[in-house]
Amino acid sequence: SGYLGSHLRRKFVASKIPYISVSRRKIEGESPSLSFDFPALQRFVQSHPAPHGFVVFNLVGSGREHLSRPLIETNFELAKQIISFSKSIGAKKIIHVGGFGIPYGSLLSSETYYFSKGAAIDALVSSGLSAVILNPSYIIGKGDDFGRAIRNAIAKGRFVVTSLELIYMQPIFVDDFIDV
């Protein structure tokens, strides 16, 4: 139900592609019966025959840490639940959004964001599921956090991206990303 999820769901609605969404809120034009929280989705799948050819999109993640939800929980623990769920329904494929320059395996980073995203990718790679891992640097478009940060920085006359590691930026427009 975040930035990428809402854009993807709008694309599905406009293209009349059937889907089931795990999200906190509905979008315009979405059928009321197709949006679930994660426990409700698990109950739904257990009470219905396993769907065939199901593709799971894992768009869960955050770049901001909160005391109530550390990045390792948001980016890694939830990814493990989604991987487990995907295996349990025999998903055809899982499409996972990582991030540009995210290391995994023996290259895990000491920076929390990179570590949590890299650990999620490592779990997916070692899961044996058929997967596509998309690693954009920044996804921009109306309402994105990065664009807001750039506008605020420009207004202050200085733009800095804080990171313990060298990062490269090659923004992609959200609609182009969703089309991919």
Protein backbone atom coordinates (compact mmCIF):
# COMPACT_ATOMS: atom_id res chain seq x y z
CA SER A 1 0.00 0.00 0.00
CA GLY A 2 3.04 2.22 -0.12
CA TYR A 3 4.46 4.19 -2.98
CA LEU A 4 5.31 1.34 -5.38
CA GLY A 5 2.39 -0.88 -4.37
CA SER A 6 -0.22 1.80 -4.98
CA HIS A 7 1.26 2.57 -8.41
CA LEU A 8 1.37 -1.13 -9.34
CA ARG A 9 -2.21 -1.69 -8.18
CA ARG A 10 -3.41 1.32 -10.20
CA LYS A 11 -1.70 -0.20 -13.26
CA PHE A 12 -3.42 -3.55 -12.60
CA VAL A 13 -6.83 -1.86 -12.20
CA ALA A 14 -6.36 0.18 -15.41
CA SER A 15 -5.19 -2.91 -17.31
CA LYS A 16 -7.91 -5.15 -15.78
CA ILE A 17 -5.28 -7.58 -14.47
CA PRO A 18 -6.62 -9.69 -11.58
CA TYR A 19 -4.64 -9.51 -8.34
CA ILE A 20 -4.83 -9.94 -4.60
CA SER A 21 -3.21 -7.21 -2.55
CA VAL A 22 -1.75 -7.23 0.94
CA SER A 23 -2.20 -3.61 1.90
CA ARG A 24 -3.27 -1.22 4.59
CA ARG A 25 -5.73 0.71 2.44
CA LYS A 26 -7.61 0.48 -0.82
CA ILE A 27 -7.01 2.52 -3.94
CA GLU A 28 -9.58 4.11 -6.25
CA GLY A 29 -11.28 1.55 -8.47
CA GLU A 30 -10.10 -1.44 -6.45
CA SER A 31 -12.56 -4.21 -5.72
CA PRO A 32 -13.28 -4.29 -1.99
CA SER A 33 -12.80 -8.07 -1.83
CA LEU A 34 -9.23 -8.04 -3.14
CA SER A 35 -7.33 -6.28 -0.37
CA PHE A 36 -6.09 -8.25 2.63
CA ASP A 37 -3.80 -7.83 5.58
CA PHE A 38 -1.17 -10.59 5.73
CA PRO A 39 -2.98 -12.88 8.25
CA ALA A 40 -6.22 -12.58 6.26
CA LEU A 41 -4.36 -13.48 3.06
CA GLN A 42 -2.91 -16.58 4.72
CA ARG A 43 -6.41 -17.64 5.84
CA PHE A 44 -7.77 -16.96 2.34
CA VAL A 45 -5.10 -19.11 0.69
CA GLN A 46 -5.63 -21.93 3.22
CA SER A 47 -9.39 -21.98 2.56
CA HIS A 48 -9.17 -21.88 -1.26
CA PRO A 49 -7.33 -24.05 -3.74
CA ALA A 50 -3.78 -22.82 -4.36
CA PRO A 51 -3.80 -20.43 -7.32
CA HIS A 52 -1.84 -21.58 -10.37
CA GLY A 53 0.67 -19.31 -12.04
CA PHE A 54 0.59 -16.86 -9.14
CA VAL A 55 3.32 -14.20 -9.22
CA VAL A 56 4.16 -12.58 -5.88
CA PHE A 57 5.49 -9.02 -5.83
CA ASN A 58 7.49 -8.13 -2.73
CA LEU A 59 7.46 -4.35 -2.64
CA VAL A 60 7.81 -4.23 1.16
CA GLY A 61 10.66 -2.15 2.44
CA SER A 62 11.78 1.09 3.91
CA GLY A 63 14.82 3.29 3.91
CA ARG A 64 13.87 4.95 7.18
CA GLU A 65 14.40 3.33 10.55
CA HIS A 66 11.89 3.78 13.36
CA LEU A 67 12.09 2.67 16.97
CA SER A 68 8.77 0.89 16.52
CA ARG A 69 9.93 -0.91 13.37
CA PRO A 70 13.67 -1.41 12.79
CA LEU A 71 14.88 -1.80 9.21
CA ILE A 72 15.90 -5.42 9.80
CA GLU A 73 12.26 -6.18 10.67
CA THR A 74 10.79 -4.21 7.77
CA ASN A 75 13.25 -5.17 5.04
CA PHE A 76 14.34 -8.67 6.12
CA GLU A 77 11.84 -10.32 8.48
CA LEU A 78 8.84 -9.39 6.31
CA ALA A 79 10.71 -10.58 3.22
CA LYS A 80 11.24 -13.96 4.91
CA GLN A 81 7.48 -14.19 5.60
CA ILE A 82 6.71 -13.34 1.97
CA ILE A 83 9.22 -15.95 0.76
CA SER A 84 7.66 -18.57 3.05
CA PHE A 85 4.17 -17.63 1.88
CA SER A 86 5.27 -17.79 -1.78
CA LYS A 87 6.66 -21.29 -1.24
CA SER A 88 3.49 -22.43 0.58
CA ILE A 89 1.24 -21.48 -2.37
CA GLY A 90 3.66 -22.74 -5.02
CA ALA A 91 4.11 -19.28 -6.53
CA LYS A 92 5.33 -19.31 -10.13
CA LYS A 93 7.73 -16.44 -9.43
CA ILE A 94 8.51 -13.78 -6.85
CA ILE A 95 9.46 -10.28 -7.93
CA HIS A 96 11.45 -8.52 -5.23
CA VAL A 97 12.54 -4.90 -5.02
CA GLY A 98 15.98 -4.49 -3.47
CA GLY A 99 17.98 -1.38 -4.24
CA PHE A 100 20.92 -0.28 -6.35
CA GLY A 101 24.24 -1.41 -4.94
CA ILE A 102 22.68 -3.70 -2.33
CA PRO A 103 25.27 -6.34 -1.43
CA TYR A 104 24.30 -9.84 -0.33
CA GLY A 105 25.93 -13.08 0.75
CA SER A 106 29.45 -12.62 2.07
CA LEU A 107 29.37 -8.97 1.02
CA LEU A 108 26.74 -7.86 3.56
CA SER A 109 27.21 -4.25 4.62
CA SER A 110 27.63 -2.80 8.08
CA GLU A 111 25.08 -0.07 7.28
CA THR A 112 21.62 -1.13 8.53
CA TYR A 113 19.65 -0.29 5.37
CA TYR A 114 22.08 -2.11 3.07
CA PHE A 115 22.41 -5.02 5.48
CA SER A 116 18.64 -5.50 5.86
CA LYS A 117 17.95 -5.27 2.11
CA GLY A 118 20.97 -7.48 1.31
CA ALA A 119 19.90 -10.11 3.86
CA ALA A 120 16.44 -10.19 2.22
CA ILE A 121 18.02 -10.72 -1.21
CA ASP A 122 20.27 -13.43 0.24
CA ALA A 123 17.22 -15.20 1.74
CA LEU A 124 15.42 -15.01 -1.61
CA VAL A 125 18.41 -16.28 -3.61
CA SER A 126 18.88 -19.22 -1.22
CA SER A 127 15.13 -20.02 -1.12
CA GLY A 128 15.16 -21.85 -4.44
CA LEU A 129 12.18 -19.82 -5.71
CA SER A 130 12.17 -18.52 -9.25
CA ALA A 131 12.81 -14.83 -8.72
CA VAL A 132 13.42 -11.49 -10.33
CA ILE A 133 15.32 -9.00 -8.19
CA LEU A 134 14.95 -5.38 -9.24
CA ASN A 135 17.61 -3.04 -7.85
CA PRO A 136 16.77 0.55 -8.74
CA SER A 137 18.80 3.39 -7.27
CA TYR A 138 15.93 5.85 -6.74
CA ILE A 139 12.36 5.70 -7.97
CA ILE A 140 10.96 9.14 -8.58
CA GLY A 141 7.55 10.54 -9.43
CA LYS A 142 4.66 12.42 -7.91
CA GLY A 143 4.67 11.94 -4.14
CA ASP A 144 8.04 10.19 -3.81
CA ASP A 145 10.27 10.76 -0.77
CA PHE A 146 13.39 11.38 -2.85
CA GLY A 147 11.85 14.19 -4.91
CA ARG A 148 10.65 15.87 -1.73
CA ALA A 149 14.17 15.60 -0.25
CA ILE A 150 15.72 17.08 -3.40
CA ARG A 151 13.28 20.02 -3.41
CA ASN A 152 13.98 20.71 0.29
CA ALA A 153 17.74 20.48 -0.29
CA ILE A 154 17.60 22.82 -3.29
CA ALA A 155 15.60 25.31 -1.22
CA LYS A 156 18.41 25.20 1.37
CA GLY A 157 21.12 25.46 -1.30
CA ARG A 158 22.80 22.11 -0.52
CA PHE A 159 22.09 18.52 -1.55
CA VAL A 160 23.71 15.67 0.39
CA VAL A 161 22.81 11.98 0.51
CA THR A 162 24.07 10.56 3.77
CA SER A 163 25.55 7.08 3.60
CA LEU A 164 28.46 5.22 5.11
CA GLU A 165 29.14 3.70 1.70
CA LEU A 166 29.72 5.16 -1.76
CA ILE A 167 26.39 5.34 -3.56
CA TYR A 168 25.49 6.09 -7.13
CA MET A 169 22.22 7.59 -8.23
CA GLN A 170 20.42 6.82 -11.45
CA PRO A 171 16.77 7.71 -10.83
CA ILE A 172 13.98 5.91 -12.67
CA PHE A 173 10.48 7.32 -13.12
CA VAL A 174 7.91 5.33 -11.12
CA ASP A 175 5.65 4.67 -14.13
CA ASP A 176 8.62 3.28 -16.09
CA PHE A 177 9.56 1.09 -13.13
CA ILE A 178 6.00 -0.27 -12.85
CA ASP A 179 5.95 -0.99 -16.59
CA VAL A 180 9.12 -3.09 -16.16
